[in-house]
């Protein structure tokens, strides 16, 4: 399991290649990459993401450990960026490896849902209209109900 909370961008292809390298015992590798989405008005200048070093990694590791307990996983990778990001920038990546695709897909969805709602990140959207903290959405909270 690898958890990385970092300011630097990451190379999706290189991360997937390293994650999959030598995986002869895994029949499925699922990846998801999230990007910073512009506002509906199209004027997002940037998103600023804050976190508490140490606490954030520990919380994400706990979420990943729960996924590994629930599904038959060979490995988990979570990369989440912090700092100032522009629309279209990569913000996070989840990868799961499992002997069978169902476990890999479900675990990846679980991780994404919990990262969206429970990982300790604070996000602020900056636009011409000013700065607004991103608040939790009901649909994000509702997504947790299925787990």
C-alpha atoms as a PDB file:
ATOM      1  CA  UNK A   1       0.000   0.000   0.000  1.00  0.00           C
ATOM      2  CA  UNK A   2       1.273   3.441  -0.889  1.00  0.00           C
ATOM      3  CA  UNK A   3      -0.316   6.690   0.249  1.00  0.00           C
ATOM      4  CA  UNK A   4       1.140   9.932  -1.088  1.00  0.00           C
ATOM      5  CA  UNK A   5      -0.061  13.418  -0.206  1.00  0.00           C
ATOM      6  CA  UNK A   6       2.007  15.784  -2.270  1.00  0.00           C
ATOM      7  CA  UNK A   7       2.132  19.182  -3.907  1.00  0.00           C
ATOM      8  CA  UNK A   8       3.871  17.928  -7.049  1.00  0.00           C
ATOM      9  CA  UNK A   9       1.997  16.624 -10.069  1.00  0.00           C
ATOM     10  CA  UNK A  10       2.220  12.930 -10.950  1.00  0.00           C
ATOM     11  CA  UNK A  11       2.528  10.964 -14.173  1.00  0.00           C
ATOM     12  CA  UNK A  12      -0.496   8.682 -14.498  1.00  0.00           C
ATOM     13  CA  UNK A  13       1.210   6.301 -16.912  1.00  0.00           C
ATOM     14  CA  UNK A  14       4.334   5.965 -14.790  1.00  0.00           C
ATOM     15  CA  UNK A  15       2.287   5.431 -11.617  1.00  0.00           C
ATOM     16  CA  UNK A  16       0.119   2.734 -13.220  1.00  0.00           C
ATOM     17  CA  UNK A  17       3.144   1.018 -14.764  1.00  0.00           C
ATOM     18  CA  UNK A  18       4.956   0.935 -11.418  1.00  0.00           C
ATOM     19  CA  UNK A  19       1.814  -0.223  -9.595  1.00  0.00           C
ATOM     20  CA  UNK A  20       1.167  -3.026 -12.118  1.00  0.00           C
ATOM     21  CA  UNK A  21       4.787  -4.110 -12.544  1.00  0.00           C
ATOM     22  CA  UNK A  22       5.258  -7.804 -11.796  1.00  0.00           C
ATOM     23  CA  UNK A  23       1.621  -8.375 -10.797  1.00  0.00           C
ATOM     24  CA  UNK A  24       1.246 -11.939 -12.014  1.00  0.00           C
ATOM     25  CA  UNK A  25      -1.091 -12.813  -9.140  1.00  0.00           C
ATOM     26  CA  UNK A  26      -3.589 -10.011  -9.791  1.00  0.00           C
ATOM     27  CA  UNK A  27      -6.242 -10.355 -12.502  1.00  0.00           C
ATOM     28  CA  UNK A  28      -7.515  -6.774 -12.248  1.00  0.00           C
ATOM     29  CA  UNK A  29      -6.054  -3.337 -11.791  1.00  0.00           C
ATOM     30  CA  UNK A  30      -8.514  -0.464 -11.585  1.00  0.00           C
ATOM     31  CA  UNK A  31      -7.445   3.167 -11.672  1.00  0.00           C
ATOM     32  CA  UNK A  32      -9.247   6.459 -11.295  1.00  0.00           C
ATOM     33  CA  UNK A  33      -7.789   9.919 -11.728  1.00  0.00           C
ATOM     34  CA  UNK A  34      -9.640  13.018 -10.588  1.00  0.00           C
ATOM     35  CA  UNK A  35      -9.048  16.447 -12.090  1.00  0.00           C
ATOM     36  CA  UNK A  36      -9.951  19.940 -10.930  1.00  0.00           C
ATOM     37  CA  UNK A  37     -13.295  20.795 -12.512  1.00  0.00           C
ATOM     38  CA  UNK A  38     -14.110  24.348 -13.549  1.00  0.00           C
ATOM     39  CA  UNK A  39     -17.140  26.068 -12.057  1.00  0.00           C
ATOM     40  CA  UNK A  40     -20.428  26.065 -13.981  1.00  0.00           C
ATOM     41  CA  UNK A  41     -19.752  29.743 -14.694  1.00  0.00           C
ATOM     42  CA  UNK A  42     -16.396  28.815 -16.242  1.00  0.00           C
ATOM     43  CA  UNK A  43     -14.388  31.280 -14.176  1.00  0.00           C
ATOM     44  CA  UNK A  44     -12.488  29.137 -11.682  1.00  0.00           C
ATOM     45  CA  UNK A  45      -9.017  30.584 -11.353  1.00  0.00           C
ATOM     46  CA  UNK A  46      -7.680  27.941  -8.996  1.00  0.00           C
ATOM     47  CA  UNK A  47      -8.504  25.554  -6.196  1.00  0.00           C
ATOM     48  CA  UNK A  48      -6.439  25.707  -3.040  1.00  0.00           C
ATOM     49  CA  UNK A  49      -6.249  22.494  -1.051  1.00  0.00           C
ATOM     50  CA  UNK A  50      -5.025  22.452   2.537  1.00  0.00           C
ATOM     51  CA  UNK A  51      -4.315  19.534   4.860  1.00  0.00           C
ATOM     52  CA  UNK A  52      -2.546  18.638   8.089  1.00  0.00           C
ATOM     53  CA  UNK A  53       0.594  16.625   7.280  1.00  0.00           C
ATOM     54  CA  UNK A  54       0.687  13.326   9.124  1.00  0.00           C
ATOM     55  CA  UNK A  55      -2.983  13.398  10.052  1.00  0.00           C
ATOM     56  CA  UNK A  56      -4.118  13.288   6.425  1.00  0.00           C
ATOM     57  CA  UNK A  57      -1.876  10.376   5.476  1.00  0.00           C
ATOM     58  CA  UNK A  58      -2.962   8.450   8.560  1.00  0.00           C
ATOM     59  CA  UNK A  59      -6.651   8.995   7.767  1.00  0.00           C
ATOM     60  CA  UNK A  60      -6.213   7.880   4.145  1.00  0.00           C
ATOM     61  CA  UNK A  61      -4.215   4.834   5.240  1.00  0.00           C
ATOM     62  CA  UNK A  62      -7.088   3.927   7.568  1.00  0.00           C
ATOM     63  CA  UNK A  63      -9.601   4.166   4.714  1.00  0.00           C
ATOM     64  CA  UNK A  64      -7.334   2.030   2.515  1.00  0.00           C
ATOM     65  CA  UNK A  65      -6.880  -0.557   5.283  1.00  0.00           C
ATOM     66  CA  UNK A  66     -10.664  -0.860   5.639  1.00  0.00           C
ATOM     67  CA  UNK A  67     -10.941  -1.445   1.890  1.00  0.00           C
ATOM     68  CA  UNK A  68      -8.263  -4.138   2.081  1.00  0.00           C
ATOM     69  CA  UNK A  69     -10.177  -5.845   4.912  1.00  0.00           C
ATOM     70  CA  UNK A  70     -13.454  -5.765   3.007  1.00  0.00           C
ATOM     71  CA  UNK A  71     -12.236  -6.851  -0.444  1.00  0.00           C
ATOM     72  CA  UNK A  72      -9.574  -9.260  -1.608  1.00  0.00           C
ATOM     73  CA  UNK A  73      -6.916  -6.723  -2.601  1.00  0.00           C
ATOM     74  CA  UNK A  74      -3.317  -7.285  -3.490  1.00  0.00           C
ATOM     75  CA  UNK A  75      -2.410  -3.604  -3.287  1.00  0.00           C
ATOM     76  CA  UNK A  76      -3.734  -0.048  -3.029  1.00  0.00           C
ATOM     77  CA  UNK A  77      -2.323   3.250  -4.238  1.00  0.00           C
ATOM     78  CA  UNK A  78      -3.712   6.666  -3.287  1.00  0.00           C
ATOM     79  CA  UNK A  79      -2.128   9.906  -4.452  1.00  0.00           C
ATOM     80  CA  UNK A  80      -3.742  13.199  -3.463  1.00  0.00           C
ATOM     81  CA  UNK A  81      -2.329  16.620  -4.194  1.00  0.00           C
ATOM     82  CA  UNK A  82      -2.470  19.779  -2.118  1.00  0.00           C
ATOM     83  CA  UNK A  83      -1.599  23.380  -2.799  1.00  0.00           C
ATOM     84  CA  UNK A  84      -2.833  25.598  -5.619  1.00  0.00           C
ATOM     85  CA  UNK A  85      -4.273  23.738  -8.626  1.00  0.00           C
ATOM     86  CA  UNK A  86      -5.777  25.080 -11.853  1.00  0.00           C
ATOM     87  CA  UNK A  87      -8.816  23.709 -13.692  1.00  0.00           C
ATOM     88  CA  UNK A  88      -7.775  20.553 -15.542  1.00  0.00           C
ATOM     89  CA  UNK A  89      -4.903  19.748 -13.162  1.00  0.00           C
ATOM     90  CA  UNK A  90      -4.731  16.251 -11.724  1.00  0.00           C
ATOM     91  CA  UNK A  91      -5.892  16.301  -8.115  1.00  0.00           C
ATOM     92  CA  UNK A  92      -5.884  12.626  -7.093  1.00  0.00           C
ATOM     93  CA  UNK A  93      -5.464   9.040  -8.183  1.00  0.00           C
ATOM     94  CA  UNK A  94      -6.671   5.737  -6.776  1.00  0.00           C
ATOM     95  CA  UNK A  95      -5.474   2.333  -7.948  1.00  0.00           C
ATOM     96  CA  UNK A  96      -6.522  -1.065  -6.671  1.00  0.00           C
ATOM     97  CA  UNK A  97      -5.158  -4.489  -7.572  1.00  0.00           C
ATOM     98  CA  UNK A  98      -7.153  -7.640  -6.924  1.00  0.00           C
ATOM     99  CA  UNK A  99      -7.344 -11.206  -8.180  1.00  0.00           C
ATOM    100  CA  UNK A 100     -10.815 -10.448  -9.616  1.00  0.00           C
ATOM    101  CA  UNK A 101     -12.306  -7.321 -11.196  1.00  0.00           C
ATOM    102  CA  UNK A 102     -15.339  -7.051  -8.912  1.00  0.00           C
ATOM    103  CA  UNK A 103     -13.149  -6.550  -5.853  1.00  0.00           C
ATOM    104  CA  UNK A 104     -10.879  -4.089  -7.676  1.00  0.00           C
ATOM    105  CA  UNK A 105     -13.798  -1.979  -8.962  1.00  0.00           C
ATOM    106  CA  UNK A 106     -15.780  -1.972  -5.707  1.00  0.00           C
ATOM    107  CA  UNK A 107     -12.733  -1.166  -3.588  1.00  0.00           C
ATOM    108  CA  UNK A 108     -11.779   1.690  -5.926  1.00  0.00           C
ATOM    109  CA  UNK A 109     -15.306   3.144  -5.721  1.00  0.00           C
ATOM    110  CA  UNK A 110     -15.291   2.791  -1.934  1.00  0.00           C
ATOM    111  CA  UNK A 111     -11.955   4.593  -1.714  1.00  0.00           C
ATOM    112  CA  UNK A 112     -13.113   7.401  -3.995  1.00  0.00           C
ATOM    113  CA  UNK A 113     -16.349   7.885  -2.049  1.00  0.00           C
ATOM    114  CA  UNK A 114     -14.577   7.964   1.299  1.00  0.00           C
ATOM    115  CA  UNK A 115     -11.769  10.200   0.045  1.00  0.00           C
ATOM    116  CA  UNK A 116     -14.344  12.670  -1.264  1.00  0.00           C
ATOM    117  CA  UNK A 117     -16.251  12.825   2.021  1.00  0.00           C
ATOM    118  CA  UNK A 118     -13.930  11.806   4.848  1.00  0.00           C
ATOM    119  CA  UNK A 119     -10.305  12.553   3.969  1.00  0.00           C
ATOM    120  CA  UNK A 120      -9.204  15.646   5.900  1.00  0.00           C
ATOM    121  CA  UNK A 121      -8.669  18.127   3.076  1.00  0.00           C
ATOM    122  CA  UNK A 122     -10.010  21.665   2.968  1.00  0.00           C
ATOM    123  CA  UNK A 123     -10.688  23.078  -0.496  1.00  0.00           C
ATOM    124  CA  UNK A 124     -11.193  26.682  -1.491  1.00  0.00           C
ATOM    125  CA  UNK A 125     -12.348  27.738  -4.953  1.00  0.00           C
ATOM    126  CA  UNK A 126     -10.912  31.005  -6.252  1.00  0.00           C
ATOM    127  CA  UNK A 127     -12.716  32.918  -8.993  1.00  0.00           C
ATOM    128  CA  UNK A 128     -13.339  36.473 -10.169  1.00  0.00           C
ATOM    129  CA  UNK A 129     -16.240  36.552  -7.694  1.00  0.00           C
ATOM    130  CA  UNK A 130     -13.938  35.802  -4.757  1.00  0.00           C
ATOM    131  CA  UNK A 131     -12.992  32.779  -2.678  1.00  0.00           C
ATOM    132  CA  UNK A 132     -15.414  30.141  -1.416  1.00  0.00           C
ATOM    133  CA  UNK A 133     -14.741  27.093   0.743  1.00  0.00           C
ATOM    134  CA  UNK A 134     -16.094  23.913  -0.801  1.00  0.00           C
ATOM    135  CA  UNK A 135     -18.806  22.416   1.392  1.00  0.00           C
ATOM    136  CA  UNK A 136     -19.877  18.788   1.543  1.00  0.00           C
ATOM    137  CA  UNK A 137     -22.649  17.886  -0.896  1.00  0.00           C
ATOM    138  CA  UNK A 138     -25.605  15.736   0.062  1.00  0.00           C
ATOM    139  CA  UNK A 139     -24.942  13.344  -2.833  1.00  0.00           C
ATOM    140  CA  UNK A 140     -21.377  12.784  -1.604  1.00  0.00           C
ATOM    141  CA  UNK A 141     -22.687  11.895   1.845  1.00  0.00           C
ATOM    142  CA  UNK A 142     -25.451   9.740   0.325  1.00  0.00           C
ATOM    143  CA  UNK A 143     -22.832   7.786  -1.653  1.00  0.00           C
ATOM    144  CA  UNK A 144     -21.422   6.507   1.654  1.00  0.00           C
ATOM    145  CA  UNK A 145     -24.727   4.874   2.561  1.00  0.00           C
ATOM    146  CA  UNK A 146     -24.182   2.009   0.135  1.00  0.00           C
ATOM    147  CA  UNK A 147     -21.017   0.936   1.936  1.00  0.00           C
END
